[in-house]
């Protein structure tokens, strides 16, 4: 393996949206820097199983439901 091919791996502080600070190893920034997250796993619907909403733009969902109403959609 070639020498000096990998970036520096060090400990940083990761500040979650609720203010909690976690220590993690990363290649981002420098030792002791703080990374503030805008979206994190504690609040994002992709990780917490948020509710699905259908956004009806131009009546597409309504037309689909009307067309296939007998099939249980």
N, C-alpha and C. Protein backbone atom coordinates (compact mmCIF):
# COMPACT_ATOMS: atom_id res chain seq x y z
N UNK A 1 0.83 -1.18 0.00
CA UNK A 1 0.00 0.00 0.00
C UNK A 1 0.88 1.25 0.00
N UNK A 2 0.50 2.23 -0.79
CA UNK A 2 1.29 3.46 -0.86
C UNK A 2 1.18 4.26 0.43
N UNK A 3 2.26 4.89 0.81
CA UNK A 3 2.27 5.75 2.00
C UNK A 3 1.61 7.07 1.67
N UNK A 4 0.96 7.68 2.66
CA UNK A 4 0.35 9.01 2.56
C UNK A 4 -0.75 9.10 1.50
N UNK A 5 -1.50 8.03 1.28
CA UNK A 5 -2.61 8.10 0.31
C UNK A 5 -3.94 8.40 0.99
N UNK A 6 -4.02 8.18 2.30
CA UNK A 6 -5.27 8.40 3.01
C UNK A 6 -5.24 9.75 3.73
N UNK A 7 -6.39 10.43 3.81
CA UNK A 7 -6.44 11.71 4.53
C UNK A 7 -6.30 11.52 6.04
N UNK A 8 -6.01 12.58 6.73
CA UNK A 8 -5.87 12.56 8.19
C UNK A 8 -7.21 12.22 8.83
N UNK A 9 -7.21 11.28 9.75
CA UNK A 9 -8.42 10.81 10.43
C UNK A 9 -8.30 11.23 11.88
N UNK A 10 -9.22 12.09 12.37
CA UNK A 10 -9.09 12.68 13.69
C UNK A 10 -10.46 12.81 14.35
N UNK A 11 -10.48 13.25 15.60
CA UNK A 11 -11.73 13.41 16.37
C UNK A 11 -12.26 14.82 16.21
N UNK A 12 -13.56 14.93 15.87
CA UNK A 12 -14.24 16.23 15.78
C UNK A 12 -15.50 16.17 16.63
N UNK A 13 -16.09 17.33 16.91
CA UNK A 13 -17.38 17.41 17.60
C UNK A 13 -18.46 17.60 16.55
N UNK A 14 -19.54 16.82 16.64
CA UNK A 14 -20.68 16.96 15.73
C UNK A 14 -21.84 17.46 16.56
N UNK A 15 -22.34 18.67 16.21
CA UNK A 15 -23.44 19.28 16.95
C UNK A 15 -24.74 18.97 16.22
N UNK A 16 -25.64 18.20 16.89
CA UNK A 16 -26.93 17.83 16.32
C UNK A 16 -27.87 19.04 16.36
N UNK A 17 -29.01 18.93 15.71
CA UNK A 17 -29.95 20.05 15.66
C UNK A 17 -30.55 20.37 17.02
N UNK A 18 -30.59 19.41 17.93
CA UNK A 18 -31.16 19.67 19.26
C UNK A 18 -30.11 20.19 20.24
N UNK A 19 -28.87 20.39 19.79
CA UNK A 19 -27.82 20.94 20.63
C UNK A 19 -26.87 19.90 21.20
N UNK A 20 -27.21 18.63 21.08
CA UNK A 20 -26.35 17.56 21.58
C UNK A 20 -25.04 17.54 20.79
N UNK A 21 -23.94 17.36 21.48
CA UNK A 21 -22.64 17.30 20.82
C UNK A 21 -22.06 15.90 20.98
N UNK A 22 -21.71 15.29 19.86
CA UNK A 22 -21.12 13.96 19.84
C UNK A 22 -19.69 14.04 19.34
N UNK A 23 -18.83 13.21 19.88
CA UNK A 23 -17.45 13.13 19.39
C UNK A 23 -17.38 11.99 18.39
N UNK A 24 -16.87 12.29 17.19
CA UNK A 24 -16.75 11.29 16.13
C UNK A 24 -15.40 11.43 15.44
N UNK A 25 -14.97 10.33 14.86
CA UNK A 25 -13.75 10.37 14.05
C UNK A 25 -14.14 10.70 12.63
N UNK A 26 -13.38 11.59 11.98
CA UNK A 26 -13.72 12.04 10.64
C UNK A 26 -12.49 12.56 9.92
N UNK A 27 -12.64 12.75 8.63
CA UNK A 27 -11.60 13.40 7.83
C UNK A 27 -11.96 14.86 7.59
N UNK A 28 -13.14 15.29 8.05
CA UNK A 28 -13.61 16.67 7.88
C UNK A 28 -12.86 17.60 8.84
N UNK A 29 -12.49 18.76 8.39
CA UNK A 29 -11.90 19.79 9.24
C UNK A 29 -10.59 19.37 9.88
N UNK A 30 -10.36 19.92 11.07
CA UNK A 30 -9.14 19.62 11.82
C UNK A 30 -9.51 19.08 13.18
N UNK A 31 -8.55 18.56 13.89
CA UNK A 31 -8.78 18.01 15.23
C UNK A 31 -9.48 19.03 16.11
N UNK A 32 -10.62 18.67 16.72
CA UNK A 32 -11.34 19.54 17.63
C UNK A 32 -12.33 20.49 16.99
N UNK A 33 -12.43 20.54 15.66
CA UNK A 33 -13.42 21.39 15.00
C UNK A 33 -14.84 20.91 15.30
N UNK A 34 -15.83 21.81 15.16
CA UNK A 34 -17.22 21.46 15.39
C UNK A 34 -17.99 21.54 14.08
N UNK A 35 -18.67 20.45 13.75
CA UNK A 35 -19.51 20.38 12.56
C UNK A 35 -20.96 20.49 13.02
N UNK A 36 -21.67 21.55 12.60
CA UNK A 36 -23.08 21.74 12.96
C UNK A 36 -23.96 21.19 11.85
N UNK A 37 -24.87 20.30 12.22
CA UNK A 37 -25.76 19.69 11.24
C UNK A 37 -27.05 20.47 11.11
N UNK A 38 -27.54 20.59 9.87
CA UNK A 38 -28.85 21.20 9.62
C UNK A 38 -29.95 20.16 9.77
N UNK A 39 -29.66 18.95 9.33
CA UNK A 39 -30.59 17.83 9.43
C UNK A 39 -29.81 16.65 9.98
N UNK A 40 -30.36 15.99 10.99
CA UNK A 40 -29.67 14.83 11.54
C UNK A 40 -30.62 13.65 11.72
N UNK A 41 -30.09 12.47 12.00
CA UNK A 41 -30.91 11.26 12.09
C UNK A 41 -31.97 11.29 13.18
N UNK A 42 -31.86 12.19 14.16
CA UNK A 42 -32.86 12.22 15.23
C UNK A 42 -34.13 12.94 14.83
N UNK A 43 -34.10 13.71 13.73
CA UNK A 43 -35.29 14.47 13.32
C UNK A 43 -35.71 14.24 11.87
N UNK A 44 -34.88 13.61 11.07
CA UNK A 44 -35.19 13.47 9.64
C UNK A 44 -36.14 12.30 9.42
N UNK A 45 -37.22 12.51 8.64
CA UNK A 45 -38.22 11.45 8.41
C UNK A 45 -37.64 10.18 7.79
N UNK A 46 -36.56 10.28 7.06
CA UNK A 46 -35.98 9.08 6.44
C UNK A 46 -35.48 8.11 7.50
N UNK A 47 -35.06 8.62 8.67
CA UNK A 47 -34.54 7.75 9.72
C UNK A 47 -35.56 7.47 10.81
N UNK A 48 -36.55 8.34 11.00
CA UNK A 48 -37.51 8.13 12.09
C UNK A 48 -38.85 7.60 11.59
N UNK A 49 -38.98 7.34 10.29
CA UNK A 49 -40.23 6.79 9.76
C UNK A 49 -41.36 7.78 9.75
N UNK A 50 -41.10 8.98 9.28
CA UNK A 50 -42.12 10.02 9.24
C UNK A 50 -43.29 9.65 8.35
N UNK A 51 -44.37 10.36 8.51
CA UNK A 51 -45.58 10.04 7.74
C UNK A 51 -45.41 10.46 6.29
N UNK A 52 -46.00 9.69 5.40
CA UNK A 52 -45.97 10.00 3.97
C UNK A 52 -47.14 10.89 3.62
N UNK A 53 -46.88 11.92 2.85
CA UNK A 53 -47.93 12.82 2.40
C UNK A 53 -47.93 12.86 0.89
N UNK A 54 -49.10 12.78 0.31
CA UNK A 54 -49.21 12.92 -1.13
C UNK A 54 -49.47 14.38 -1.44
N UNK A 55 -48.67 14.95 -2.29
CA UNK A 55 -48.85 16.33 -2.70
C UNK A 55 -49.54 16.30 -4.06
N UNK A 56 -50.74 16.83 -4.11
CA UNK A 56 -51.55 16.79 -5.33
C UNK A 56 -51.28 18.04 -6.15
N UNK A 57 -50.41 17.92 -7.15
CA UNK A 57 -50.12 19.05 -8.02
C UNK A 57 -50.86 18.86 -9.33
N UNK A 58 -51.76 19.73 -9.61
CA UNK A 58 -52.50 19.66 -10.85
C UNK A 58 -53.55 18.56 -10.88
N UNK A 59 -53.94 18.03 -9.72
CA UNK A 59 -54.98 17.02 -9.67
C UNK A 59 -54.55 15.63 -10.10
N UNK A 60 -53.26 15.38 -10.18
CA UNK A 60 -52.77 14.08 -10.64
C UNK A 60 -53.18 12.95 -9.71
N UNK A 61 -53.02 13.17 -8.41
CA UNK A 61 -53.37 12.13 -7.44
C UNK A 61 -54.88 11.90 -7.46
N UNK A 62 -55.64 12.96 -7.54
CA UNK A 62 -57.10 12.84 -7.58
C UNK A 62 -57.54 12.06 -8.81
N UNK A 63 -56.97 12.36 -9.97
CA UNK A 63 -57.33 11.64 -11.19
C UNK A 63 -56.95 10.17 -11.11
N UNK A 64 -55.79 9.89 -10.53
CA UNK A 64 -55.35 8.50 -10.37
C UNK A 64 -56.31 7.74 -9.47
N UNK A 65 -56.64 8.35 -8.32
CA UNK A 65 -57.55 7.69 -7.38
C UNK A 65 -58.93 7.46 -8.00
N UNK A 66 -59.43 8.43 -8.77
CA UNK A 66 -60.74 8.29 -9.40
C UNK A 66 -60.71 7.19 -10.46
N UNK A 67 -59.63 7.13 -11.22
CA UNK A 67 -59.51 6.14 -12.30
C UNK A 67 -59.45 4.72 -11.75
N UNK A 68 -58.77 4.55 -10.63
CA UNK A 68 -58.57 3.22 -10.06
C UNK A 68 -59.28 3.02 -8.73
N UNK A 69 -60.39 3.74 -8.49
CA UNK A 69 -61.06 3.67 -7.20
C UNK A 69 -61.60 2.27 -6.88
N UNK A 70 -61.95 1.48 -7.88
CA UNK A 70 -62.48 0.15 -7.63
C UNK A 70 -61.43 -0.86 -7.19
N UNK A 71 -60.15 -0.52 -7.33
CA UNK A 71 -59.06 -1.43 -6.98
C UNK A 71 -58.55 -1.23 -5.56
N UNK A 72 -59.09 -0.25 -4.84
CA UNK A 72 -58.71 -0.03 -3.44
C UNK A 72 -57.54 0.88 -3.22
N UNK A 73 -57.19 1.73 -4.19
CA UNK A 73 -56.07 2.67 -3.98
C UNK A 73 -56.52 3.86 -3.18
